[in-house]
Amino acid sequence: MGQITIYLDDDTERLVKRHVKGSKESVSKWIAEAVRRRALAEWPADLLALFGSWKDDDFPDPAELRSNPAADALREEL
């Protein structure tokens, strides 16, 4: 198991301790779960950086694609 040191401002530390108080969780377990929930709910930064990177000219016009259909591939019967 990895170990990370984090620094919290006083208000955030009080907030964490208030949420942990009365539960049977440790502060480390509570913070780990909070990080996990946020990380799973958000898109990764490298993926977000792709938004807006494609231009309309990067894609063929749908009407042009439909005007010249290719022969369909042979399909296996089920």
PDB file of N, CA and C in Angstrom:
ATOM      1  N   MET A   1       0.848  -1.174   0.000  1.00  0.00           N
ATOM      2  CA  MET A   1       0.000   0.000   0.000  1.00  0.00           C
ATOM      3  C   MET A   1       0.893   1.236   0.000  1.00  0.00           C
ATOM      4  N   GLY A   2       0.561   2.179  -0.862  1.00  0.00           N
ATOM      5  CA  GLY A   2       1.337   3.409  -0.959  1.00  0.00           C
ATOM      6  C   GLY A   2       1.041   4.345   0.195  1.00  0.00           C
ATOM      7  N   GLN A   3       1.944   5.246   0.400  1.00  0.00           N
ATOM      8  CA  GLN A   3       1.775   6.231   1.455  1.00  0.00           C
ATOM      9  C   GLN A   3       2.051   7.605   0.871  1.00  0.00           C
ATOM     10  N   ILE A   4       1.126   8.533   1.108  1.00  0.00           N
ATOM     11  CA  ILE A   4       1.242   9.892   0.594  1.00  0.00           C
ATOM     12  C   ILE A   4       1.013  10.853   1.754  1.00  0.00           C
ATOM     13  N   THR A   5       1.818  11.878   1.804  1.00  0.00           N
ATOM     14  CA  THR A   5       1.611  12.920   2.801  1.00  0.00           C
ATOM     15  C   THR A   5       0.855  14.058   2.142  1.00  0.00           C
ATOM     16  N   ILE A   6      -0.225  14.497   2.782  1.00  0.00           N
ATOM     17  CA  ILE A   6      -0.979  15.640   2.256  1.00  0.00           C
ATOM     18  C   ILE A   6      -1.027  16.730   3.327  1.00  0.00           C
ATOM     19  N   TYR A   7      -1.180  17.930   2.878  1.00  0.00           N
ATOM     20  CA  TYR A   7      -1.286  19.069   3.781  1.00  0.00           C
ATOM     21  C   TYR A   7      -2.663  19.682   3.595  1.00  0.00           C
ATOM     22  N   LEU A   8      -3.389  19.820   4.688  1.00  0.00           N
ATOM     23  CA  LEU A   8      -4.726  20.402   4.657  1.00  0.00           C
ATOM     24  C   LEU A   8      -4.728  21.703   5.449  1.00  0.00           C
ATOM     25  N   ASP A   9      -5.455  22.673   4.953  1.00  0.00           N
ATOM     26  CA  ASP A   9      -5.627  23.888   5.747  1.00  0.00           C
ATOM     27  C   ASP A   9      -6.504  23.539   6.953  1.00  0.00           C
ATOM     28  N   ASP A  10      -6.520  24.407   7.933  1.00  0.00           N
ATOM     29  CA  ASP A  10      -7.224  24.115   9.185  1.00  0.00           C
ATOM     30  C   ASP A  10      -8.711  23.842   8.980  1.00  0.00           C
ATOM     31  N   ASP A  11      -9.355  24.622   8.127  1.00  0.00           N
ATOM     32  CA  ASP A  11     -10.787  24.429   7.892  1.00  0.00           C
ATOM     33  C   ASP A  11     -11.070  23.067   7.264  1.00  0.00           C
ATOM     34  N   THR A  12     -10.243  22.665   6.300  1.00  0.00           N
ATOM     35  CA  THR A  12     -10.437  21.371   5.647  1.00  0.00           C
ATOM     36  C   THR A  12     -10.173  20.238   6.622  1.00  0.00           C
ATOM     37  N   GLU A  13      -9.166  20.368   7.439  1.00  0.00           N
ATOM     38  CA  GLU A  13      -8.882  19.335   8.443  1.00  0.00           C
ATOM     39  C   GLU A  13     -10.049  19.171   9.407  1.00  0.00           C
ATOM     40  N   ARG A  14     -10.621  20.276   9.868  1.00  0.00           N
ATOM     41  CA  ARG A  14     -11.781  20.205  10.761  1.00  0.00           C
ATOM     42  C   ARG A  14     -12.965  19.537  10.066  1.00  0.00           C
ATOM     43  N   LEU A  15     -13.147  19.866   8.801  1.00  0.00           N
ATOM     44  CA  LEU A  15     -14.235  19.273   8.025  1.00  0.00           C
ATOM     45  C   LEU A  15     -14.074  17.757   7.918  1.00  0.00           C
ATOM     46  N   VAL A  16     -12.873  17.298   7.616  1.00  0.00           N
ATOM     47  CA  VAL A  16     -12.612  15.861   7.521  1.00  0.00           C
ATOM     48  C   VAL A  16     -12.864  15.193   8.866  1.00  0.00           C
ATOM     49  N   LYS A  17     -12.314  15.760   9.916  1.00  0.00           N
ATOM     50  CA  LYS A  17     -12.476  15.168  11.249  1.00  0.00           C
ATOM     51  C   LYS A  17     -13.937  15.129  11.678  1.00  0.00           C
ATOM     52  N   ARG A  18     -14.698  16.149  11.309  1.00  0.00           N
ATOM     53  CA  ARG A  18     -16.127  16.167  11.643  1.00  0.00           C
ATOM     54  C   ARG A  18     -16.858  15.028  10.943  1.00  0.00           C
ATOM     55  N   HIS A  19     -16.499  14.759   9.674  1.00  0.00           N
ATOM     56  CA  HIS A  19     -17.160  13.686   8.935  1.00  0.00           C
ATOM     57  C   HIS A  19     -16.739  12.302   9.428  1.00  0.00           C
ATOM     58  N   VAL A  20     -15.499  12.186   9.881  1.00  0.00           N
ATOM     59  CA  VAL A  20     -14.989  10.896  10.340  1.00  0.00           C
ATOM     60  C   VAL A  20     -15.460  10.597  11.767  1.00  0.00           C
ATOM     61  N   LYS A  21     -15.638  11.640  12.576  1.00  0.00           N
ATOM     62  CA  LYS A  21     -16.028  11.469  13.978  1.00  0.00           C
ATOM     63  C   LYS A  21     -17.333  10.666  14.065  1.00  0.00           C
ATOM     64  N   GLY A  22     -17.338   9.696  14.918  1.00  0.00           N
ATOM     65  CA  GLY A  22     -18.543   8.887  15.101  1.00  0.00           C
ATOM     66  C   GLY A  22     -18.604   7.692  14.156  1.00  0.00           C
ATOM     67  N   SER A  23     -17.843   7.718  13.088  1.00  0.00           N
ATOM     68  CA  SER A  23     -17.805   6.562  12.198  1.00  0.00           C
ATOM     69  C   SER A  23     -16.656   5.664  12.653  1.00  0.00           C
ATOM     70  N   LYS A  24     -16.588   4.505  12.101  1.00  0.00           N
ATOM     71  CA  LYS A  24     -15.501   3.598  12.474  1.00  0.00           C
ATOM     72  C   LYS A  24     -14.377   3.638  11.444  1.00  0.00           C
ATOM     73  N   GLU A  25     -14.378   4.676  10.600  1.00  0.00           N
ATOM     74  CA  GLU A  25     -13.354   4.828   9.572  1.00  0.00           C
ATOM     75  C   GLU A  25     -12.206   5.673  10.088  1.00  0.00           C
ATOM     76  N   SER A  26     -11.015   5.394   9.572  1.00  0.00           N
ATOM     77  CA  SER A  26      -9.876   6.253   9.865  1.00  0.00           C
ATOM     78  C   SER A  26      -9.918   7.443   8.916  1.00  0.00           C
ATOM     79  N   VAL A  27      -9.178   8.472   9.255  1.00  0.00           N
ATOM     80  CA  VAL A  27      -9.086   9.644   8.384  1.00  0.00           C
ATOM     81  C   VAL A  27      -8.512   9.229   7.031  1.00  0.00           C
ATOM     82  N   SER A  28      -7.482   8.371   7.049  1.00  0.00           N
ATOM     83  CA  SER A  28      -6.870   7.919   5.792  1.00  0.00           C
ATOM     84  C   SER A  28      -7.876   7.197   4.912  1.00  0.00           C
ATOM     85  N   LYS A  29      -8.666   6.329   5.499  1.00  0.00           N
ATOM     86  CA  LYS A  29      -9.659   5.572   4.721  1.00  0.00           C
ATOM     87  C   LYS A  29     -10.730   6.521   4.164  1.00  0.00           C
ATOM     88  N   TRP A  30     -11.149   7.488   4.972  1.00  0.00           N
ATOM     89  CA  TRP A  30     -12.177   8.427   4.523  1.00  0.00           C
ATOM     90  C   TRP A  30     -11.669   9.268   3.353  1.00  0.00           C
ATOM     91  N   ILE A  31     -10.423   9.761   3.474  1.00  0.00           N
ATOM     92  CA  ILE A  31      -9.841  10.579   2.400  1.00  0.00           C
ATOM     93  C   ILE A  31      -9.649   9.738   1.144  1.00  0.00           C
ATOM     94  N   ALA A  32      -9.175   8.492   1.312  1.00  0.00           N
ATOM     95  CA  ALA A  32      -8.982   7.612   0.149  1.00  0.00           C
ATOM     96  C   ALA A  32     -10.302   7.391  -0.583  1.00  0.00           C
ATOM     97  N   GLU A  33     -11.373   7.179   0.150  1.00  0.00           N
ATOM     98  CA  GLU A  33     -12.686   6.974  -0.483  1.00  0.00           C
ATOM     99  C   GLU A  33     -13.161   8.248  -1.179  1.00  0.00           C
ATOM    100  N   ALA A  34     -12.916   9.405  -0.567  1.00  0.00           N
ATOM    101  CA  ALA A  34     -13.303  10.672  -1.197  1.00  0.00           C
ATOM    102  C   ALA A  34     -12.544  10.886  -2.503  1.00  0.00           C
ATOM    103  N   VAL A  35     -11.253  10.581  -2.502  1.00  0.00           N
ATOM    104  CA  VAL A  35     -10.444  10.715  -3.716  1.00  0.00           C
ATOM    105  C   VAL A  35     -10.939   9.743  -4.775  1.00  0.00           C
ATOM    106  N   ARG A  36     -11.202   8.495  -4.383  1.00  0.00           N
ATOM    107  CA  ARG A  36     -11.668   7.472  -5.323  1.00  0.00           C
ATOM    108  C   ARG A  36     -12.990   7.889  -5.983  1.00  0.00           C
ATOM    109  N   ARG A  37     -13.929   8.364  -5.165  1.00  0.00           N
ATOM    110  CA  ARG A  37     -15.221   8.791  -5.723  1.00  0.00           C
ATOM    111  C   ARG A  37     -15.053   9.926  -6.724  1.00  0.00           C
ATOM    112  N   ARG A  38     -14.235  10.890  -6.385  1.00  0.00           N
ATOM    113  CA  ARG A  38     -14.042  12.030  -7.299  1.00  0.00           C
ATOM    114  C   ARG A  38     -13.320  11.593  -8.564  1.00  0.00           C
ATOM    115  N   ALA A  39     -12.289  10.772  -8.417  1.00  0.00           N
ATOM    116  CA  ALA A  39     -11.513  10.329  -9.579  1.00  0.00           C
ATOM    117  C   ALA A  39     -12.360   9.495 -10.533  1.00  0.00           C
ATOM    118  N   LEU A  40     -13.278   8.714 -10.001  1.00  0.00           N
ATOM    119  CA  LEU A  40     -14.129   7.892 -10.856  1.00  0.00           C
ATOM    120  C   LEU A  40     -15.252   8.697 -11.499  1.00  0.00           C
ATOM    121  N   ALA A  41     -15.597   9.829 -10.893  1.00  0.00           N
ATOM    122  CA  ALA A  41     -16.711  10.633 -11.404  1.00  0.00           C
ATOM    123  C   ALA A  41     -16.269  11.670 -12.437  1.00  0.00           C
ATOM    124  N   GLU A  42     -14.989  11.953 -12.502  1.00  0.00           N
ATOM    125  CA  GLU A  42     -14.501  12.999 -13.402  1.00  0.00           C
ATOM    126  C   GLU A  42     -13.734  12.400 -14.572  1.00  0.00           C
ATOM    127  N   TRP A  43     -13.720  13.106 -15.658  1.00  0.00           N
ATOM    128  CA  TRP A  43     -12.954  12.698 -16.837  1.00  0.00           C
ATOM    129  C   TRP A  43     -11.489  13.045 -16.599  1.00  0.00           C
ATOM    130  N   PRO A  44     -10.567  12.185 -17.033  1.00  0.00           N
ATOM    131  CA  PRO A  44      -9.134  12.492 -16.887  1.00  0.00           C
ATOM    132  C   PRO A  44      -8.749  13.753 -17.667  1.00  0.00           C
ATOM    133  N   ALA A  45      -7.768  14.482 -17.147  1.00  0.00           N
ATOM    134  CA  ALA A  45      -7.346  15.753 -17.751  1.00  0.00           C
ATOM    135  C   ALA A  45      -6.863  15.575 -19.189  1.00  0.00           C
ATOM    136  N   ASP A  46      -6.167  14.462 -19.478  1.00  0.00           N
ATOM    137  CA  ASP A  46      -5.670  14.278 -20.845  1.00  0.00           C
ATOM    138  C   ASP A  46      -6.812  14.066 -21.830  1.00  0.00           C
ATOM    139  N   LEU A  47      -7.907  13.490 -21.370  1.00  0.00           N
ATOM    140  CA  LEU A  47      -9.067  13.337 -22.233  1.00  0.00           C
ATOM    141  C   LEU A  47      -9.792  14.678 -22.405  1.00  0.00           C
ATOM    142  N   LEU A  48      -9.915  15.423 -21.337  1.00  0.00           N
ATOM    143  CA  LEU A  48     -10.560  16.739 -21.422  1.00  0.00           C
ATOM    144  C   LEU A  48      -9.806  17.669 -22.365  1.00  0.00           C
ATOM    145  N   ALA A  49      -8.488  17.501 -22.444  1.00  0.00           N
ATOM    146  CA  ALA A  49      -7.682  18.345 -23.327  1.00  0.00           C
ATOM    147  C   ALA A  49      -8.031  18.122 -24.793  1.00  0.00           C
ATOM    148  N   LEU A  50      -8.634  16.988 -25.121  1.00  0.00           N
ATOM    149  CA  LEU A  50      -8.996  16.699 -26.509  1.00  0.00           C
ATOM    150  C   LEU A  50     -10.237  17.469 -26.974  1.00  0.00           C
ATOM    151  N   PHE A  51     -11.074  17.900 -26.036  1.00  0.00           N
ATOM    152  CA  PHE A  51     -12.290  18.598 -26.415  1.00  0.00           C
ATOM    153  C   PHE A  51     -11.955  19.857 -27.205  1.00  0.00           C
ATOM    154  N   GLY A  52     -12.574  19.994 -28.353  1.00  0.00           N
ATOM    155  CA  GLY A  52     -12.352  21.152 -29.206  1.00  0.00           C
ATOM    156  C   GLY A  52     -11.145  21.016 -30.110  1.00  0.00           C
ATOM    157  N   SER A  53     -10.442  19.886 -30.040  1.00  0.00           N
ATOM    158  CA  SER A  53      -9.242  19.746 -30.860  1.00  0.00           C
ATOM    159  C   SER A  53      -9.566  19.323 -32.290  1.00  0.00           C
ATOM    160  N   TRP A  54     -10.753  18.780 -32.517  1.00  0.00           N
ATOM    161  CA  TRP A  54     -11.160  18.412 -33.876  1.00  0.00           C
ATOM    162  C   TRP A  54     -11.951  19.552 -34.503  1.00  0.00           C
ATOM    163  N   LYS A  55     -11.685  19.790 -35.745  1.00  0.00           N
ATOM    164  CA  LYS A  55     -12.390  20.833 -36.490  1.00  0.00           C
ATOM    165  C   LYS A  55     -13.411  20.177 -37.412  1.00  0.00           C
ATOM    166  N   ASP A  56     -14.395  20.937 -37.838  1.00  0.00           N
ATOM    167  CA  ASP A  56     -15.419  20.401 -38.740  1.00  0.00           C
ATOM    168  C   ASP A  56     -14.800  19.866 -40.021  1.00  0.00           C
ATOM    169  N   ASP A  57     -13.711  20.472 -40.465  1.00  0.00           N
ATOM    170  CA  ASP A  57     -13.062  20.036 -41.704  1.00  0.00           C
ATOM    171  C   ASP A  57     -12.356  18.689 -41.562  1.00  0.00           C
ATOM    172  N   ASP A  58     -12.186  18.222 -40.320  1.00  0.00           N
ATOM    173  CA  ASP A  58     -11.513  16.941 -40.094  1.00  0.00           C
ATOM    174  C   ASP A  58     -12.396  15.747 -40.449  1.00  0.00           C
ATOM    175  N   PHE A  59     -13.676  15.981 -40.603  1.00  0.00           N
ATOM    176  CA  PHE A  59     -14.618  14.901 -40.875  1.00  0.00           C
ATOM    177  C   PHE A  59     -15.216  15.064 -42.268  1.00  0.00           C
ATOM    178  N   PRO A  60     -15.431  13.950 -42.971  1.00  0.00           N
ATOM    179  CA  PRO A  60     -16.076  14.056 -44.281  1.00  0.00           C
ATOM    180  C   PRO A  60     -17.544  14.454 -44.124  1.00  0.00           C
ATOM    181  N   ASP A  61     -18.066  15.072 -45.146  1.00  0.00           N
ATOM    182  CA  ASP A  61     -19.463  15.477 -45.157  1.00  0.00           C
ATOM    183  C   ASP A  61     -20.345  14.227 -45.250  1.00  0.00           C
ATOM    184  N   PRO A  62     -21.342  14.065 -44.368  1.00  0.00           N
ATOM    185  CA  PRO A  62     -22.196  12.876 -44.409  1.00  0.00           C
ATOM    186  C   PRO A  62     -22.881  12.670 -45.762  1.00  0.00           C
ATOM    187  N   ALA A  63     -23.317  13.748 -46.387  1.00  0.00           N
ATOM    188  CA  ALA A  63     -23.981  13.616 -47.689  1.00  0.00           C
ATOM    189  C   ALA A  63     -23.012  13.032 -48.730  1.00  0.00           C
ATOM    190  N   GLU A  64     -21.755  13.445 -48.666  1.00  0.00           N
ATOM    191  CA  GLU A  64     -20.747  12.923 -49.583  1.00  0.00           C
ATOM    192  C   GLU A  64     -20.510  11.432 -49.343  1.00  0.00           C
ATOM    193  N   LEU A  65     -20.478  11.039 -48.098  1.00  0.00           N
ATOM    194  CA  LEU A  65     -20.291   9.613 -47.780  1.00  0.00           C
ATOM    195  C   LEU A  65     -21.461   8.772 -48.292  1.00  0.00           C
ATOM    196  N   ARG A  66     -22.668   9.290 -48.158  1.00  0.00           N
ATOM    197  CA  ARG A  66     -23.859   8.536 -48.581  1.00  0.00           C
ATOM    198  C   ARG A  66     -24.012   8.489 -50.102  1.00  0.00           C
ATOM    199  N   SER A  67     -23.427   9.439 -50.814  1.00  0.00           N
ATOM    200  CA  SER A  67     -23.604   9.499 -52.262  1.00  0.00           C
ATOM    201  C   SER A  67     -22.781   8.452 -53.010  1.00  0.00           C
ATOM    202  N   ASN A  68     -21.798   7.863 -52.368  1.00  0.00           N
ATOM    203  CA  ASN A  68     -20.935   6.903 -53.025  1.00  0.00           C
ATOM    204  C   ASN A  68     -20.778   5.654 -52.149  1.00  0.00           C
ATOM    205  N   PRO A  69     -21.879   4.886 -51.971  1.00  0.00           N
ATOM    206  CA  PRO A  69     -21.800   3.742 -51.056  1.00  0.00           C
ATOM    207  C   PRO A  69     -20.918   2.629 -51.614  1.00  0.00           C
ATOM    208  N   ALA A  70     -20.178   2.025 -50.761  1.00  0.00           N
ATOM    209  CA  ALA A  70     -19.338   0.890 -51.144  1.00  0.00           C
ATOM    210  C   ALA A  70     -20.176  -0.386 -51.068  1.00  0.00           C
ATOM    211  N   ALA A  71     -19.709  -1.417 -51.763  1.00  0.00           N
ATOM    212  CA  ALA A  71     -20.413  -2.698 -51.713  1.00  0.00           C
ATOM    213  C   ALA A  71     -20.327  -3.243 -50.296  1.00  0.00           C
ATOM    214  N   ASP A  72     -21.429  -3.821 -49.853  1.00  0.00           N
ATOM    215  CA  ASP A  72     -21.478  -4.391 -48.518  1.00  0.00           C
ATOM    216  C   ASP A  72     -20.634  -5.666 -48.478  1.00  0.00           C
ATOM    217  N   ALA A  73     -20.014  -5.918 -47.369  1.00  0.00           N
ATOM    218  CA  ALA A  73     -19.217  -7.124 -47.208  1.00  0.00           C
ATOM    219  C   ALA A  73     -20.128  -8.341 -47.099  1.00  0.00           C
ATOM    220  N   LEU A  74     -19.655  -9.464 -47.548  1.00  0.00           N
ATOM    221  CA  LEU A  74     -20.415 -10.702 -47.401  1.00  0.00           C
ATOM    222  C   LEU A  74     -20.536 -11.024 -45.912  1.00  0.00           C
ATOM    223  N   ARG A  75     -21.715 -11.463 -45.556  1.00  0.00           N
ATOM    224  CA  ARG A  75     -21.952 -11.756 -44.140  1.00  0.00           C
ATOM    225  C   ARG A  75     -22.211 -13.223 -43.947  1.00  0.00           C
ATOM    226  N   GLU A  76     -21.783 -13.703 -42.842  1.00  0.00           N
ATOM    227  CA  GLU A  76     -21.972 -15.105 -42.505  1.00  0.00           C
ATOM    228  C   GLU A  76     -23.397 -15.305 -41.981  1.00  0.00           C
ATOM    229  N   GLU A  77     -24.059 -16.348 -42.450  1.00  0.00           N
ATOM    230  CA  GLU A  77     -25.417 -16.602 -41.967  1.00  0.00           C
ATOM    231  C   GLU A  77     -25.351 -17.182 -40.558  1.00  0.00           C
ATOM    232  N   LEU A  78     -26.337 -16.809 -39.777  1.00  0.00           N
ATOM    233  CA  LEU A  78     -26.407 -17.323 -38.402  1.00  0.00           C
ATOM    234  C   LEU A  78     -27.273 -18.553 -38.327  1.00  0.00           C
TER     235      LEU A  78
END
